[in-house]
């Protein structure tokens, strides 16, 4: 009886160890991966330029459509998908802080800069007193727009404030008395002609099929606004995450970008 109990315990422990070991191994070494995808340039770039490289290595992928980035991050945080390629560090860190997330950035990836585009005015020289400019109303992109306007000399921001978090309240000089309207990014392209100029993020430019070469000015992308390959913290050092990162920095992908980048993308150097 005693021997039977001991044998049962040993077998039970071995089974638990085996299951745990297999789960961890599968998670780290698995080749069937899922990702959240959205309408926009970043999912398209992954699917057209990166996924084929990884498929040659034996990986398979399932894209799961997400209507917004918050939904995508919740899905990633809860393990419904393995990774996404839709966000910058600033958004990810805000999600982790506000939502109790456990997401981690693996590597910066190509990013479409925000830019100032024509509305009813077609050149920077047409700026005038009381000009009207549409600005995205989500915090990170609002700050990007004001930083860009400071770059071209149209406003001056409080030098004591972090450029990544500035708001209209941080404008200390506005010599042209510009009137700013903060609104949803998605709605700006449809009302461009109602404004003299509009500030647009890269994904909006892409989805609205606006020619990126028509930008009157483009931002200097701050490090925390570079797009990232994002995974759960526990998967950051997995083989598959490293393989995806390597694909983004491979010669094959660099060749793809040389052929297909028509001025839309800023490509960060591999670290």
Protein backbone atom coordinates (compact mmCIF):
# COMPACT_ATOMS: atom_id res chain seq x y z
CA UNK A 1 0.00 0.00 0.00
CA UNK A 2 2.79 2.36 0.98
CA UNK A 3 4.72 1.50 -2.17
CA UNK A 4 1.64 2.09 -4.26
CA UNK A 5 1.13 5.54 -2.76
CA UNK A 6 4.77 6.48 -3.30
CA UNK A 7 4.64 5.28 -6.89
CA UNK A 8 1.46 7.27 -7.50
CA UNK A 9 3.02 10.42 -6.02
CA UNK A 10 6.16 10.03 -8.13
CA UNK A 11 4.13 9.53 -11.29
CA UNK A 12 1.90 12.50 -10.46
CA UNK A 13 4.88 14.77 -9.82
CA UNK A 14 6.52 13.62 -13.04
CA UNK A 15 3.34 14.37 -14.98
CA UNK A 16 3.03 17.87 -13.51
CA UNK A 17 6.69 18.58 -14.24
CA UNK A 18 6.29 17.26 -17.77
CA UNK A 19 3.21 19.40 -18.48
CA UNK A 20 4.81 22.51 -17.01
CA UNK A 21 7.98 21.91 -18.97
CA UNK A 22 6.12 21.39 -22.21
CA UNK A 23 4.01 24.51 -21.68
CA UNK A 24 7.05 26.67 -21.08
CA UNK A 25 8.91 25.12 -23.99
CA UNK A 26 5.97 25.55 -26.34
CA UNK A 27 5.56 29.15 -25.33
CA UNK A 28 9.22 29.94 -25.85
CA UNK A 29 9.85 27.87 -28.96
CA UNK A 30 6.42 27.69 -30.62
CA UNK A 31 6.12 28.49 -34.30
CA UNK A 32 2.35 28.98 -34.65
CA UNK A 33 1.88 32.63 -33.69
CA UNK A 34 -1.03 35.05 -33.60
CA UNK A 35 -0.99 38.84 -33.76
CA UNK A 36 -3.47 41.68 -33.60
CA UNK A 37 -3.91 43.52 -36.88
CA UNK A 38 -5.53 46.81 -37.75
CA UNK A 39 -6.36 48.87 -40.78
CA UNK A 40 -3.16 50.74 -41.44
CA UNK A 41 0.46 50.66 -42.53
CA UNK A 42 2.00 48.68 -39.70
CA UNK A 43 0.05 45.44 -40.07
CA UNK A 44 0.43 45.73 -43.85
CA UNK A 45 4.19 46.15 -43.56
CA UNK A 46 4.46 43.11 -41.30
CA UNK A 47 2.34 40.96 -43.58
CA UNK A 48 4.02 42.01 -46.81
CA UNK A 49 7.62 42.51 -45.76
CA UNK A 50 8.31 40.53 -42.58
CA UNK A 51 5.94 37.57 -42.46
CA UNK A 52 7.31 35.97 -45.65
CA UNK A 53 10.82 35.95 -44.14
CA UNK A 54 9.57 34.15 -41.04
CA UNK A 55 7.41 31.70 -42.97
CA UNK A 56 10.58 30.46 -44.67
CA UNK A 57 11.81 29.60 -41.17
CA UNK A 58 8.74 27.46 -40.48
CA UNK A 59 6.56 30.00 -38.66
CA UNK A 60 2.83 30.25 -39.31
CA UNK A 61 0.68 33.25 -38.42
CA UNK A 62 -2.92 34.09 -37.65
CA UNK A 63 -3.94 37.75 -37.77
CA UNK A 64 -6.84 38.77 -35.55
CA UNK A 65 -8.63 41.97 -36.50
CA UNK A 66 -8.85 44.63 -33.80
CA UNK A 67 -10.86 47.84 -34.10
CA UNK A 68 -8.59 49.92 -31.88
CA UNK A 69 -5.22 49.77 -30.17
CA UNK A 70 -6.65 49.53 -26.65
CA UNK A 71 -8.55 46.39 -27.66
CA UNK A 72 -5.35 45.02 -29.24
CA UNK A 73 -3.34 45.58 -26.07
CA UNK A 74 -5.98 43.99 -23.87
CA UNK A 75 -5.98 40.95 -26.15
CA UNK A 76 -2.19 40.77 -26.00
CA UNK A 77 -2.09 41.23 -22.23
CA UNK A 78 -4.65 38.45 -21.76
CA UNK A 79 -2.79 36.07 -24.08
CA UNK A 80 -5.33 36.03 -26.91
CA UNK A 81 -2.53 37.02 -29.30
CA UNK A 82 1.25 36.74 -29.08
CA UNK A 83 2.37 40.15 -30.35
CA UNK A 84 1.47 43.37 -32.12
CA UNK A 85 3.32 45.94 -34.22
CA UNK A 86 0.98 48.91 -33.86
CA UNK A 87 2.25 51.06 -31.00
CA UNK A 88 5.08 53.18 -29.70
CA UNK A 89 6.72 52.96 -26.28
CA UNK A 90 4.74 55.90 -24.92
CA UNK A 91 1.41 54.19 -25.60
CA UNK A 92 2.62 50.85 -24.26
CA UNK A 93 3.91 52.36 -21.02
CA UNK A 94 0.66 54.27 -20.55
CA UNK A 95 -1.30 51.02 -21.07
CA UNK A 96 0.86 49.18 -18.53
CA UNK A 97 0.39 51.99 -16.02
CA UNK A 98 -3.34 52.58 -16.50
CA UNK A 99 -4.46 49.01 -17.25
CA UNK A 100 -2.05 47.04 -15.06
CA UNK A 101 -0.49 45.54 -18.17
CA UNK A 102 2.61 43.42 -18.54
CA UNK A 103 3.70 44.34 -22.06
CA UNK A 104 7.29 44.77 -23.22
CA UNK A 105 8.94 46.31 -26.27
CA UNK A 106 11.36 44.05 -28.13
CA UNK A 107 12.77 46.30 -30.86
CA UNK A 108 11.94 49.53 -32.71
CA UNK A 109 10.47 49.00 -36.17
CA UNK A 110 9.76 51.27 -39.17
CA UNK A 111 7.56 54.20 -38.25
CA UNK A 112 5.60 56.74 -40.29
CA UNK A 113 6.35 60.27 -39.01
CA UNK A 114 3.60 62.70 -38.17
CA UNK A 115 3.49 65.69 -40.49
CA UNK A 116 1.92 69.04 -41.21
CA UNK A 117 -0.17 68.81 -44.37
CA UNK A 118 -1.95 71.37 -46.53
CA UNK A 119 -5.52 72.28 -45.84
CA UNK A 120 -6.78 75.25 -47.80
CA UNK A 121 -3.23 76.67 -47.78
CA UNK A 122 -0.60 74.86 -49.80
CA UNK A 123 2.73 76.13 -48.44
CA UNK A 124 4.30 77.13 -45.13
CA UNK A 125 4.75 80.63 -46.50
CA UNK A 126 0.96 81.12 -46.47
CA UNK A 127 0.80 81.23 -42.68
CA UNK A 128 -1.12 84.33 -41.55
CA UNK A 129 -2.48 85.93 -38.41
CA UNK A 130 -5.35 83.83 -37.06
CA UNK A 131 -4.60 80.74 -39.17
CA UNK A 132 -6.66 77.64 -38.34
CA UNK A 133 -4.94 74.30 -37.73
CA UNK A 134 -6.50 70.91 -36.89
CA UNK A 135 -4.61 68.88 -34.27
CA UNK A 136 -5.18 65.26 -33.12
CA UNK A 137 -6.87 65.20 -29.72
CA UNK A 138 -5.26 62.07 -28.20
CA UNK A 139 -2.55 63.07 -25.76
CA UNK A 140 0.57 61.55 -27.37
CA UNK A 141 -0.29 62.80 -30.85
CA UNK A 142 -1.39 66.21 -29.58
CA UNK A 143 2.08 66.64 -28.11
CA UNK A 144 3.69 65.48 -31.36
CA UNK A 145 1.75 68.10 -33.32
CA UNK A 146 2.73 70.97 -31.04
CA UNK A 147 6.37 69.82 -31.05
CA UNK A 148 6.28 69.84 -34.86
CA UNK A 149 4.84 73.35 -34.95
CA UNK A 150 7.62 74.49 -32.64
CA UNK A 151 10.16 72.83 -34.95
CA UNK A 152 9.02 75.01 -37.88
CA UNK A 153 8.97 78.12 -35.72
CA UNK A 154 5.25 78.81 -35.59
CA UNK A 155 4.94 78.50 -31.82
CA UNK A 156 7.21 78.27 -28.80
CA UNK A 157 6.62 75.78 -26.00
CA UNK A 158 7.59 76.00 -22.36
CA UNK A 159 11.22 74.76 -22.35
CA UNK A 160 10.70 73.29 -18.89
CA UNK A 161 8.04 70.88 -20.13
CA UNK A 162 8.62 67.42 -21.60
CA UNK A 163 7.92 67.49 -25.35
CA UNK A 164 6.19 64.14 -25.10
CA UNK A 165 3.44 65.52 -22.86
CA UNK A 166 2.97 69.15 -23.93
CA UNK A 167 -0.51 70.57 -24.43
CA UNK A 168 -1.90 73.83 -25.71
CA UNK A 169 -1.45 75.18 -22.18
CA UNK A 170 2.32 74.92 -22.66
CA UNK A 171 2.43 77.30 -25.63
CA UNK A 172 4.28 80.38 -24.41
CA UNK A 173 4.54 82.18 -27.75
CA UNK A 174 2.03 82.14 -30.62
CA UNK A 175 3.06 85.05 -32.85
CA UNK A 176 0.62 84.14 -35.63
CA UNK A 177 -2.30 83.83 -33.19
CA UNK A 178 -2.97 80.38 -34.59
CA UNK A 179 -6.38 78.94 -33.72
CA UNK A 180 -6.04 75.26 -32.83
CA UNK A 181 -8.89 72.77 -33.07
CA UNK A 182 -8.16 69.45 -31.36
CA UNK A 183 -10.23 66.64 -32.83
CA UNK A 184 -10.21 62.90 -33.51
CA UNK A 185 -7.40 61.98 -35.88
CA UNK A 186 -9.69 59.84 -38.03
CA UNK A 187 -11.96 62.79 -38.81
CA UNK A 188 -9.27 65.27 -39.85
CA UNK A 189 -8.73 64.17 -43.50
CA UNK A 190 -12.42 64.64 -44.31
CA UNK A 191 -12.38 68.27 -43.14
CA UNK A 192 -8.94 69.33 -44.39
CA UNK A 193 -10.31 72.16 -46.51
CA UNK A 194 -12.02 73.66 -43.46
CA UNK A 195 -8.58 74.41 -42.03
CA UNK A 196 -5.52 76.17 -43.34
CA UNK A 197 -3.23 73.32 -42.26
CA UNK A 198 -3.71 69.94 -40.59
CA UNK A 199 -1.43 67.80 -38.44
CA UNK A 200 -1.68 64.10 -39.31
CA UNK A 201 -0.08 60.95 -37.93
CA UNK A 202 1.40 58.37 -40.27
CA UNK A 203 -1.36 55.80 -39.95
CA UNK A 204 -3.99 58.44 -40.80
CA UNK A 205 -1.99 59.55 -43.85
CA UNK A 206 -1.75 55.93 -44.99
CA UNK A 207 -5.40 55.03 -44.44
CA UNK A 208 -6.63 58.24 -46.08
CA UNK A 209 -4.36 57.52 -49.07
CA UNK A 210 -2.69 60.92 -48.75
CA UNK A 211 0.60 61.22 -50.62
CA UNK A 212 3.27 61.48 -47.86
CA UNK A 213 5.44 63.58 -50.17
CA UNK A 214 2.87 66.40 -49.85
CA UNK A 215 3.80 66.96 -46.20
CA UNK A 216 4.94 70.53 -45.64
CA UNK A 217 6.98 69.46 -42.61
CA UNK A 218 7.67 66.20 -40.77
CA UNK A 219 8.46 65.57 -37.15
CA UNK A 220 11.79 64.48 -35.76
CA UNK A 221 10.62 61.22 -34.24
CA UNK A 222 11.44 61.09 -30.55
CA UNK A 223 12.69 57.69 -29.30
CA UNK A 224 9.54 56.97 -27.28
CA UNK A 225 7.43 57.51 -30.42
CA UNK A 226 9.19 54.89 -32.53
CA UNK A 227 6.90 51.94 -33.25
CA UNK A 228 7.81 48.73 -31.47
CA UNK A 229 7.38 45.00 -31.72
CA UNK A 230 5.44 44.41 -28.49
CA UNK A 231 4.92 41.13 -26.61
CA UNK A 232 4.04 40.06 -23.08
CA UNK A 233 6.92 40.62 -20.66
CA UNK A 234 7.31 36.86 -20.16
CA UNK A 235 7.89 36.36 -23.90
CA UNK A 236 10.43 39.13 -24.44
CA UNK A 237 13.38 36.73 -24.54
CA UNK A 238 11.62 33.90 -26.38
CA UNK A 239 13.20 32.53 -29.53
CA UNK A 240 10.21 33.50 -31.64
CA UNK A 241 10.24 37.12 -30.44
CA UNK A 242 13.95 37.35 -31.22
CA UNK A 243 13.34 35.82 -34.64
CA UNK A 244 10.66 38.40 -35.45
CA UNK A 245 13.00 41.20 -34.35
CA UNK A 246 15.80 39.70 -36.47
CA UNK A 247 13.50 39.61 -39.50
CA UNK A 248 12.81 43.34 -39.16
CA UNK A 249 16.57 43.97 -39.16
CA UNK A 250 17.49 41.45 -41.85
CA UNK A 251 19.05 42.21 -45.23
CA UNK A 252 16.01 40.69 -46.93
CA UNK A 253 13.72 43.18 -45.20
CA UNK A 254 16.14 46.05 -45.91
CA UNK A 255 15.98 45.12 -49.60
CA UNK A 256 12.18 45.05 -49.41
CA UNK A 257 12.15 48.56 -47.91
CA UNK A 258 14.52 49.92 -50.55
CA UNK A 259 12.11 48.78 -53.22
CA UNK A 260 8.85 49.73 -51.50
CA UNK A 261 9.52 52.74 -49.29
CA UNK A 262 8.34 55.75 -51.29
CA UNK A 263 9.06 58.32 -48.60
CA UNK A 264 6.44 57.07 -46.14
CA UNK A 265 8.67 55.25 -43.64
CA UNK A 266 11.38 56.21 -41.20
CA UNK A 267 13.51 53.10 -40.65
CA UNK A 268 15.38 52.96 -37.31
CA UNK A 269 18.82 51.40 -37.15
CA UNK A 270 19.18 48.06 -35.40
CA UNK A 271 20.65 48.29 -31.91
